[in-house]
N, C-alpha and C. Protein backbone atom coordinates (compact mmCIF):
# COMPACT_ATOMS: atom_id res chain seq x y z
N MET A 1 64.28 82.71 68.92
CA MET A 1 64.20 84.14 68.98
C MET A 1 62.75 84.51 69.26
N ILE A 2 62.56 85.42 70.18
CA ILE A 2 61.23 85.89 70.55
C ILE A 2 61.07 87.29 70.03
N GLY A 3 59.93 87.63 69.46
CA GLY A 3 59.75 88.97 68.91
C GLY A 3 58.50 89.63 69.45
N LEU A 4 58.59 90.91 69.64
CA LEU A 4 57.45 91.74 70.00
C LEU A 4 57.35 92.80 68.93
N VAL A 5 56.14 93.22 68.58
CA VAL A 5 55.99 94.25 67.58
C VAL A 5 55.14 95.36 68.15
N ALA A 6 55.59 96.59 67.92
CA ALA A 6 54.84 97.77 68.34
C ALA A 6 54.69 98.68 67.15
N GLU A 7 53.48 99.14 66.86
CA GLU A 7 53.27 100.04 65.74
C GLU A 7 52.64 101.32 66.28
N THR A 8 53.49 102.20 66.78
CA THR A 8 53.01 103.42 67.39
C THR A 8 53.98 104.55 67.12
N GLU A 9 53.57 105.75 67.48
CA GLU A 9 54.46 106.90 67.43
C GLU A 9 54.63 107.44 68.84
N ILE A 10 54.41 106.61 69.82
CA ILE A 10 54.63 107.03 71.19
C ILE A 10 55.70 106.14 71.80
N GLY A 11 56.17 106.51 72.95
CA GLY A 11 57.25 105.76 73.56
C GLY A 11 56.83 104.39 74.06
N GLU A 12 57.74 103.46 73.96
CA GLU A 12 57.54 102.13 74.49
C GLU A 12 58.59 101.90 75.56
N SER A 13 58.15 101.76 76.80
CA SER A 13 59.07 101.50 77.88
C SER A 13 58.70 100.14 78.45
N MET A 14 59.71 99.30 78.62
CA MET A 14 59.40 97.95 79.08
C MET A 14 60.55 97.39 79.91
N ARG A 15 60.25 96.35 80.63
CA ARG A 15 61.24 95.58 81.39
C ARG A 15 60.98 94.12 81.06
N PHE A 16 62.05 93.40 80.74
CA PHE A 16 61.90 91.99 80.41
C PHE A 16 63.10 91.21 80.91
N GLU A 17 62.92 89.89 80.97
CA GLU A 17 64.01 89.01 81.41
C GLU A 17 64.59 88.29 80.20
N LEU A 18 65.91 88.06 80.26
CA LEU A 18 66.61 87.37 79.19
C LEU A 18 67.58 86.38 79.82
N GLU A 19 67.42 85.12 79.44
CA GLU A 19 68.29 84.07 79.97
C GLU A 19 69.56 83.97 79.13
N SER A 20 70.67 83.66 79.78
CA SER A 20 71.94 83.56 79.05
C SER A 20 71.81 82.54 77.92
N GLY A 21 72.46 82.86 76.80
CA GLY A 21 72.41 82.01 75.63
C GLY A 21 71.18 82.24 74.77
N LYS A 22 70.32 83.18 75.14
CA LYS A 22 69.06 83.42 74.42
C LYS A 22 69.09 84.80 73.74
N THR A 23 68.10 85.01 72.87
CA THR A 23 67.94 86.26 72.14
C THR A 23 66.51 86.73 72.28
N LYS A 24 66.34 88.04 72.38
CA LYS A 24 65.00 88.64 72.36
C LYS A 24 65.05 89.84 71.44
N CYS A 25 64.09 89.91 70.51
CA CYS A 25 64.02 91.01 69.55
C CYS A 25 62.70 91.76 69.71
N ILE A 26 62.77 93.05 69.58
CA ILE A 26 61.61 93.92 69.69
C ILE A 26 61.58 94.77 68.43
N ALA A 27 60.44 94.83 67.74
CA ALA A 27 60.33 95.57 66.49
C ALA A 27 59.32 96.69 66.63
N GLU A 28 59.57 97.76 65.88
CA GLU A 28 58.64 98.88 65.85
C GLU A 28 58.54 99.36 64.41
N ASP A 29 57.31 99.60 63.95
CA ASP A 29 57.08 100.11 62.61
C ASP A 29 57.31 101.62 62.66
N ILE A 30 58.30 102.10 61.92
CA ILE A 30 58.68 103.51 61.95
C ILE A 30 58.64 104.06 60.53
N LYS A 31 58.11 105.27 60.39
CA LYS A 31 58.05 105.92 59.09
C LYS A 31 59.38 106.58 58.77
N ALA A 32 59.64 106.76 57.48
CA ALA A 32 60.86 107.46 57.04
C ALA A 32 60.86 108.88 57.62
N ASN A 33 62.04 109.35 57.96
CA ASN A 33 62.27 110.69 58.50
C ASN A 33 61.76 110.89 59.93
N ALA A 34 61.40 109.81 60.61
CA ALA A 34 60.98 109.92 62.02
C ALA A 34 62.22 109.80 62.91
N MET A 35 62.28 110.65 63.91
CA MET A 35 63.37 110.58 64.88
C MET A 35 63.10 109.42 65.82
N THR A 36 64.16 108.68 66.18
CA THR A 36 64.03 107.53 67.08
C THR A 36 65.16 107.56 68.09
N VAL A 37 64.81 107.36 69.36
CA VAL A 37 65.82 107.28 70.41
C VAL A 37 65.52 106.08 71.30
N GLY A 38 66.57 105.49 71.84
CA GLY A 38 66.39 104.33 72.72
C GLY A 38 67.44 104.32 73.80
N LYS A 39 67.08 103.68 74.90
CA LYS A 39 68.00 103.55 76.04
C LYS A 39 67.74 102.19 76.66
N TYR A 40 68.82 101.45 76.99
CA TYR A 40 68.68 100.13 77.59
C TYR A 40 69.72 99.96 78.68
N SER A 41 69.38 99.14 79.67
CA SER A 41 70.34 98.84 80.74
C SER A 41 69.93 97.56 81.44
N ILE A 42 70.94 96.84 81.92
CA ILE A 42 70.69 95.64 82.70
C ILE A 42 70.48 96.07 84.15
N VAL A 43 69.46 95.53 84.78
CA VAL A 43 69.15 95.85 86.17
C VAL A 43 69.99 94.95 87.06
N SER A 44 70.63 95.54 88.06
CA SER A 44 71.46 94.75 88.97
C SER A 44 70.60 93.77 89.76
N PRO A 45 71.01 92.49 89.83
CA PRO A 45 70.22 91.50 90.57
C PRO A 45 70.24 91.76 92.08
N SER A 46 71.25 92.46 92.55
CA SER A 46 71.35 92.82 93.97
C SER A 46 71.37 94.34 94.05
N GLU A 47 70.25 94.91 94.48
CA GLU A 47 70.12 96.36 94.52
C GLU A 47 71.28 97.01 95.26
N GLY A 48 71.84 98.05 94.63
CA GLY A 48 72.94 98.76 95.24
C GLY A 48 74.30 98.13 95.00
N GLN A 49 74.34 96.97 94.38
CA GLN A 49 75.60 96.27 94.11
C GLN A 49 75.95 96.41 92.62
N PRO A 50 77.25 96.34 92.29
CA PRO A 50 77.62 96.39 90.86
C PRO A 50 77.15 95.12 90.14
N LEU A 51 77.03 95.24 88.83
CA LEU A 51 76.62 94.09 88.02
C LEU A 51 77.71 93.03 88.00
N PRO A 52 77.32 91.74 88.05
CA PRO A 52 78.31 90.67 87.89
C PRO A 52 78.94 90.71 86.50
N ASP A 53 80.14 90.18 86.33
CA ASP A 53 80.82 90.15 85.04
C ASP A 53 80.02 89.38 83.98
N SER A 54 79.20 88.44 84.42
CA SER A 54 78.40 87.63 83.49
C SER A 54 77.28 88.42 82.83
N HIS A 55 76.95 89.58 83.35
CA HIS A 55 75.82 90.36 82.85
C HIS A 55 76.27 91.34 81.76
N LYS A 56 76.44 90.79 80.56
CA LYS A 56 76.81 91.58 79.37
C LYS A 56 75.92 91.18 78.22
N LEU A 57 75.66 92.12 77.32
CA LEU A 57 74.78 91.90 76.18
C LEU A 57 75.46 92.33 74.88
N VAL A 58 74.92 91.80 73.79
CA VAL A 58 75.17 92.36 72.48
C VAL A 58 73.82 92.90 72.04
N VAL A 59 73.79 94.15 71.61
CA VAL A 59 72.55 94.82 71.22
C VAL A 59 72.73 95.38 69.82
N ARG A 60 71.77 95.06 68.94
CA ARG A 60 71.84 95.58 67.57
C ARG A 60 70.48 96.14 67.17
N VAL A 61 70.50 97.32 66.55
CA VAL A 61 69.30 97.94 65.99
C VAL A 61 69.47 97.97 64.48
N SER A 62 68.48 97.42 63.76
CA SER A 62 68.58 97.38 62.30
C SER A 62 67.21 97.58 61.66
N SER A 63 67.23 97.93 60.39
CA SER A 63 65.99 98.11 59.63
C SER A 63 65.61 96.80 58.97
N SER A 64 64.40 96.76 58.41
CA SER A 64 63.95 95.55 57.72
C SER A 64 64.76 95.29 56.46
N LYS A 65 65.45 96.31 55.97
CA LYS A 65 66.29 96.15 54.78
C LYS A 65 67.73 95.79 55.13
N GLY A 66 67.99 95.54 56.42
CA GLY A 66 69.30 95.08 56.84
C GLY A 66 70.31 96.15 57.19
N ASN A 67 69.89 97.42 57.18
CA ASN A 67 70.81 98.50 57.55
C ASN A 67 70.95 98.55 59.07
N ASN A 68 72.19 98.63 59.56
CA ASN A 68 72.45 98.68 61.00
C ASN A 68 72.52 100.12 61.48
N TYR A 69 71.87 100.38 62.63
CA TYR A 69 71.84 101.72 63.19
C TYR A 69 72.52 101.81 64.55
N HIS A 70 72.75 100.67 65.19
CA HIS A 70 73.43 100.67 66.49
C HIS A 70 73.96 99.27 66.76
N LEU A 71 75.17 99.21 67.34
CA LEU A 71 75.72 97.93 67.79
C LEU A 71 76.44 98.18 69.10
N GLY A 72 75.97 97.50 70.14
CA GLY A 72 76.63 97.52 71.44
C GLY A 72 77.16 96.12 71.69
N ASP A 73 78.47 95.97 71.82
CA ASP A 73 79.09 94.65 71.97
C ASP A 73 79.62 94.48 73.39
N GLN A 74 79.10 93.50 74.09
CA GLN A 74 79.50 93.19 75.48
C GLN A 74 79.32 94.41 76.39
N VAL A 75 78.09 94.93 76.41
CA VAL A 75 77.76 96.12 77.19
C VAL A 75 76.72 95.78 78.25
N ASP A 76 76.62 96.63 79.26
CA ASP A 76 75.55 96.47 80.26
C ASP A 76 74.50 97.57 80.14
N SER A 77 74.79 98.60 79.31
CA SER A 77 73.83 99.66 79.06
C SER A 77 74.25 100.42 77.81
N GLY A 78 73.33 101.21 77.28
CA GLY A 78 73.66 102.01 76.12
C GLY A 78 72.48 102.83 75.65
N THR A 79 72.75 103.70 74.67
CA THR A 79 71.72 104.53 74.07
C THR A 79 71.92 104.53 72.56
N PHE A 80 70.85 104.85 71.84
CA PHE A 80 70.96 105.03 70.40
C PHE A 80 69.97 106.10 69.96
N GLY A 81 70.26 106.70 68.83
CA GLY A 81 69.37 107.69 68.25
C GLY A 81 69.66 107.80 66.77
N PHE A 82 68.63 107.91 65.96
CA PHE A 82 68.82 108.04 64.52
C PHE A 82 67.55 108.57 63.88
N LEU A 83 67.70 109.06 62.67
CA LEU A 83 66.59 109.48 61.84
C LEU A 83 66.33 108.36 60.85
N ALA A 84 65.15 107.77 60.89
CA ALA A 84 64.84 106.63 60.02
C ALA A 84 64.93 107.04 58.56
N THR A 85 65.67 106.28 57.79
CA THR A 85 65.85 106.61 56.37
C THR A 85 64.82 105.94 55.47
N GLU A 86 64.17 104.90 55.98
CA GLU A 86 63.16 104.21 55.20
C GLU A 86 62.02 103.80 56.14
N SER A 87 60.82 103.66 55.59
CA SER A 87 59.68 103.21 56.38
C SER A 87 59.73 101.70 56.54
N GLY A 88 59.25 101.22 57.68
CA GLY A 88 59.19 99.77 57.89
C GLY A 88 59.53 99.40 59.31
N ASP A 89 59.69 98.10 59.53
CA ASP A 89 60.02 97.59 60.85
C ASP A 89 61.50 97.80 61.17
N TYR A 90 61.75 98.38 62.31
CA TYR A 90 63.10 98.51 62.85
C TYR A 90 63.15 97.58 64.06
N THR A 91 64.21 96.80 64.16
CA THR A 91 64.29 95.76 65.18
C THR A 91 65.49 95.99 66.09
N THR A 92 65.25 95.87 67.38
CA THR A 92 66.33 95.88 68.37
C THR A 92 66.42 94.47 68.93
N CYS A 93 67.59 93.83 68.77
CA CYS A 93 67.80 92.47 69.27
C CYS A 93 68.83 92.49 70.40
N PHE A 94 68.52 91.75 71.44
CA PHE A 94 69.39 91.61 72.61
C PHE A 94 69.87 90.16 72.66
N TRP A 95 71.19 89.94 72.70
CA TRP A 95 71.76 88.61 72.84
C TRP A 95 72.51 88.55 74.16
N ALA A 96 72.31 87.47 74.90
CA ALA A 96 73.04 87.27 76.15
C ALA A 96 74.03 86.12 75.95
N ASN A 97 75.25 86.29 76.43
CA ASN A 97 76.25 85.23 76.34
C ASN A 97 75.78 84.00 77.09
N LYS A 98 76.22 82.84 76.62
CA LYS A 98 75.88 81.58 77.27
C LYS A 98 76.76 81.42 78.52
N HIS A 99 76.16 81.06 79.64
CA HIS A 99 76.89 80.86 80.89
C HIS A 99 76.49 79.54 81.52
N LYS A 100 77.39 78.95 82.24
CA LYS A 100 77.10 77.74 83.02
C LYS A 100 77.45 78.05 84.45
N PRO A 101 76.53 77.96 85.36
CA PRO A 101 75.10 77.73 85.15
C PRO A 101 74.46 78.95 84.48
N PRO A 102 73.30 78.74 83.83
CA PRO A 102 72.63 79.85 83.16
C PRO A 102 72.26 80.96 84.15
N VAL A 103 72.33 82.19 83.68
CA VAL A 103 71.90 83.33 84.49
C VAL A 103 70.74 84.01 83.78
N LYS A 104 69.92 84.68 84.56
CA LYS A 104 68.78 85.41 84.02
C LYS A 104 69.01 86.89 84.30
N MET A 105 68.91 87.70 83.26
CA MET A 105 69.11 89.14 83.40
C MET A 105 67.79 89.88 83.19
N THR A 106 67.61 90.94 83.94
CA THR A 106 66.46 91.81 83.77
C THR A 106 66.95 93.05 83.03
N ILE A 107 66.24 93.42 81.96
CA ILE A 107 66.66 94.53 81.12
C ILE A 107 65.55 95.58 81.07
N ASP A 108 65.93 96.84 81.32
CA ASP A 108 65.03 97.98 81.11
C ASP A 108 65.29 98.52 79.72
N PHE A 109 64.22 98.74 78.95
CA PHE A 109 64.36 99.23 77.59
C PHE A 109 63.32 100.30 77.32
N ASP A 110 63.77 101.44 76.87
CA ASP A 110 62.89 102.57 76.57
C ASP A 110 63.14 102.97 75.12
N TRP A 111 62.10 102.90 74.28
CA TRP A 111 62.23 103.19 72.85
C TRP A 111 61.15 104.19 72.47
N LYS A 112 61.56 105.32 71.91
CA LYS A 112 60.62 106.36 71.52
C LYS A 112 60.87 106.75 70.07
N SER A 113 59.79 107.06 69.37
CA SER A 113 59.94 107.53 68.00
C SER A 113 58.89 108.58 67.71
N GLY A 114 59.13 109.35 66.67
CA GLY A 114 58.20 110.40 66.28
C GLY A 114 58.15 111.51 67.32
N VAL A 115 56.96 111.98 67.64
CA VAL A 115 56.76 113.08 68.57
C VAL A 115 57.31 112.75 69.95
N ALA A 116 57.18 111.51 70.37
CA ALA A 116 57.64 111.11 71.71
C ALA A 116 59.15 111.19 71.86
N ALA A 117 59.90 111.19 70.73
CA ALA A 117 61.36 111.20 70.80
C ALA A 117 61.92 112.59 71.09
N LYS A 118 61.09 113.62 71.00
CA LYS A 118 61.57 114.97 71.26
C LYS A 118 61.68 115.20 72.76
N ASP A 119 62.74 115.88 73.17
CA ASP A 119 62.94 116.21 74.59
C ASP A 119 62.34 117.58 74.86
N TRP A 120 61.08 117.59 75.28
CA TRP A 120 60.35 118.84 75.47
C TRP A 120 60.92 119.68 76.61
N SER A 121 61.49 119.05 77.62
CA SER A 121 62.03 119.83 78.74
C SER A 121 63.20 120.70 78.27
N LYS A 122 64.04 120.19 77.36
CA LYS A 122 65.16 120.98 76.85
C LYS A 122 64.66 122.12 75.97
N ILE A 123 63.62 121.86 75.19
CA ILE A 123 63.05 122.91 74.36
C ILE A 123 62.53 124.04 75.24
N ALA A 124 61.86 123.68 76.33
CA ALA A 124 61.30 124.69 77.24
C ALA A 124 62.40 125.50 77.90
N LYS A 125 63.49 124.87 78.34
CA LYS A 125 64.58 125.57 79.00
C LYS A 125 65.29 126.52 78.04
N LYS A 126 65.50 126.08 76.79
CA LYS A 126 66.23 126.90 75.84
C LYS A 126 65.48 128.17 75.49
N GLY A 127 64.21 128.09 75.28
CA GLY A 127 63.45 129.22 74.80
C GLY A 127 62.65 129.95 75.87
N GLN A 128 62.73 129.53 77.11
CA GLN A 128 61.94 130.14 78.19
C GLN A 128 60.46 130.19 77.80
N ILE A 129 59.98 129.11 77.23
CA ILE A 129 58.61 129.04 76.75
C ILE A 129 57.67 128.76 77.91
N GLU A 130 56.55 129.41 77.90
CA GLU A 130 55.54 129.19 78.93
C GLU A 130 54.96 127.78 78.81
N THR A 131 54.47 127.25 79.91
CA THR A 131 53.91 125.90 79.94
C THR A 131 52.81 125.70 78.90
N MET A 132 51.94 126.67 78.75
CA MET A 132 50.85 126.55 77.78
C MET A 132 51.39 126.47 76.36
N GLU A 133 52.41 127.24 76.05
CA GLU A 133 53.00 127.21 74.71
C GLU A 133 53.62 125.85 74.42
N ILE A 134 54.24 125.25 75.43
CA ILE A 134 54.82 123.91 75.25
C ILE A 134 53.73 122.91 74.94
N GLU A 135 52.64 122.96 75.70
CA GLU A 135 51.54 122.02 75.46
C GLU A 135 50.94 122.21 74.07
N LEU A 136 50.81 123.45 73.62
CA LEU A 136 50.30 123.70 72.27
C LEU A 136 51.25 123.17 71.21
N LYS A 137 52.54 123.33 71.40
CA LYS A 137 53.53 122.80 70.46
C LYS A 137 53.46 121.28 70.42
N LYS A 138 53.31 120.64 71.59
CA LYS A 138 53.16 119.18 71.62
C LYS A 138 51.92 118.75 70.85
N LEU A 139 50.81 119.44 71.09
CA LEU A 139 49.56 119.10 70.39
C LEU A 139 49.70 119.29 68.88
N TYR A 140 50.33 120.39 68.48
CA TYR A 140 50.53 120.64 67.05
C TYR A 140 51.36 119.53 66.41
N ASP A 141 52.46 119.15 67.06
CA ASP A 141 53.31 118.08 66.54
C ASP A 141 52.57 116.75 66.51
N THR A 142 51.73 116.49 67.51
CA THR A 142 50.95 115.26 67.54
C THR A 142 49.96 115.22 66.38
N VAL A 143 49.28 116.35 66.14
CA VAL A 143 48.32 116.43 65.03
C VAL A 143 49.06 116.25 63.70
N ALA A 144 50.22 116.87 63.56
CA ALA A 144 50.99 116.72 62.32
C ALA A 144 51.41 115.27 62.12
N ALA A 145 51.81 114.60 63.20
CA ALA A 145 52.20 113.18 63.11
C ALA A 145 51.01 112.31 62.72
N ILE A 146 49.84 112.59 63.29
CA ILE A 146 48.63 111.83 62.95
C ILE A 146 48.28 112.06 61.47
N HIS A 147 48.40 113.29 61.02
CA HIS A 147 48.12 113.62 59.62
C HIS A 147 49.05 112.85 58.68
N GLU A 148 50.35 112.83 59.00
CA GLU A 148 51.31 112.08 58.20
C GLU A 148 51.01 110.59 58.23
N GLU A 149 50.62 110.08 59.40
CA GLU A 149 50.29 108.66 59.54
C GLU A 149 49.09 108.29 58.67
N MET A 150 48.09 109.20 58.59
CA MET A 150 46.93 108.94 57.75
C MET A 150 47.33 108.78 56.29
N PHE A 151 48.21 109.66 55.79
CA PHE A 151 48.67 109.54 54.41
C PHE A 151 49.48 108.26 54.21
N TYR A 152 50.31 107.93 55.18
CA TYR A 152 51.11 106.70 55.11
C TYR A 152 50.20 105.48 55.05
N LEU A 153 49.19 105.45 55.92
CA LEU A 153 48.26 104.31 55.93
C LEU A 153 47.45 104.25 54.63
N ARG A 154 47.09 105.39 54.08
CA ARG A 154 46.36 105.41 52.81
C ARG A 154 47.22 104.81 51.71
N GLU A 155 48.52 105.17 51.68
CA GLU A 155 49.43 104.60 50.68
C GLU A 155 49.54 103.09 50.84
N ARG A 156 49.66 102.63 52.08
CA ARG A 156 49.75 101.19 52.32
C ARG A 156 48.47 100.49 51.87
N TYR A 157 47.30 101.09 52.16
CA TYR A 157 46.01 100.52 51.76
C TYR A 157 45.93 100.40 50.24
N GLU A 158 46.32 101.47 49.54
CA GLU A 158 46.25 101.45 48.07
C GLU A 158 47.19 100.39 47.50
N THR A 159 48.36 100.23 48.10
CA THR A 159 49.30 99.20 47.64
C THR A 159 48.72 97.81 47.85
N ILE A 160 48.16 97.58 49.02
CA ILE A 160 47.56 96.27 49.32
C ILE A 160 46.39 95.99 48.39
N MET A 161 45.55 97.00 48.15
CA MET A 161 44.40 96.79 47.26
C MET A 161 44.88 96.50 45.84
N ALA A 162 45.94 97.15 45.39
CA ALA A 162 46.46 96.88 44.05
C ALA A 162 46.96 95.45 43.94
N VAL A 163 47.60 94.96 45.00
CA VAL A 163 48.09 93.56 45.01
C VAL A 163 46.90 92.61 45.00
N ILE A 164 45.88 92.88 45.79
CA ILE A 164 44.69 92.00 45.85
C ILE A 164 44.01 91.96 44.48
N ILE A 165 43.87 93.13 43.84
CA ILE A 165 43.23 93.18 42.52
C ILE A 165 44.07 92.39 41.51
N ALA A 166 45.39 92.56 41.57
CA ALA A 166 46.27 91.85 40.64
C ALA A 166 46.20 90.33 40.85
N VAL A 167 46.11 89.91 42.08
CA VAL A 167 46.04 88.47 42.38
C VAL A 167 44.70 87.90 41.92
N ASN A 168 43.62 88.64 42.09
CA ASN A 168 42.30 88.15 41.73
C ASN A 168 42.01 88.28 40.23
N SER A 169 42.87 88.96 39.50
CA SER A 169 42.63 89.13 38.05
C SER A 169 43.05 87.93 37.27
């Protein structure tokens, strides 16, 4: 199993290859009550042609505490969205069925959390908000997210320091 870790509140968009019979997991550190959305799809090996039957995945999104938030079984694309109930690493794992001969699939994956998960274009259309007002709202939400992150990091620091002091005592 191969893992990637991202600790951000901005979107992560990536493209990677996955060989049949293999697994690839991607983790992101997400705070409690943060909105998270994701979208994945297998890229057709022949542009303009349908995907071969061999190009299917199992996709699971789960928390570090083992709670499942999404399961796609034998799919070629999908989306997920949830409000994180606990802080910590959330992992998306992709499994490809074993094939003989082995096939290699290219997967597009877009994962956003926090401020990046909001669809600003829909907000603008609904309220007929001016462009400047949208930008100010984005900035305000970004500042609020940074402020929350500072408190979260301070709590983590205090916890780590308490453990270090306890170990050294």
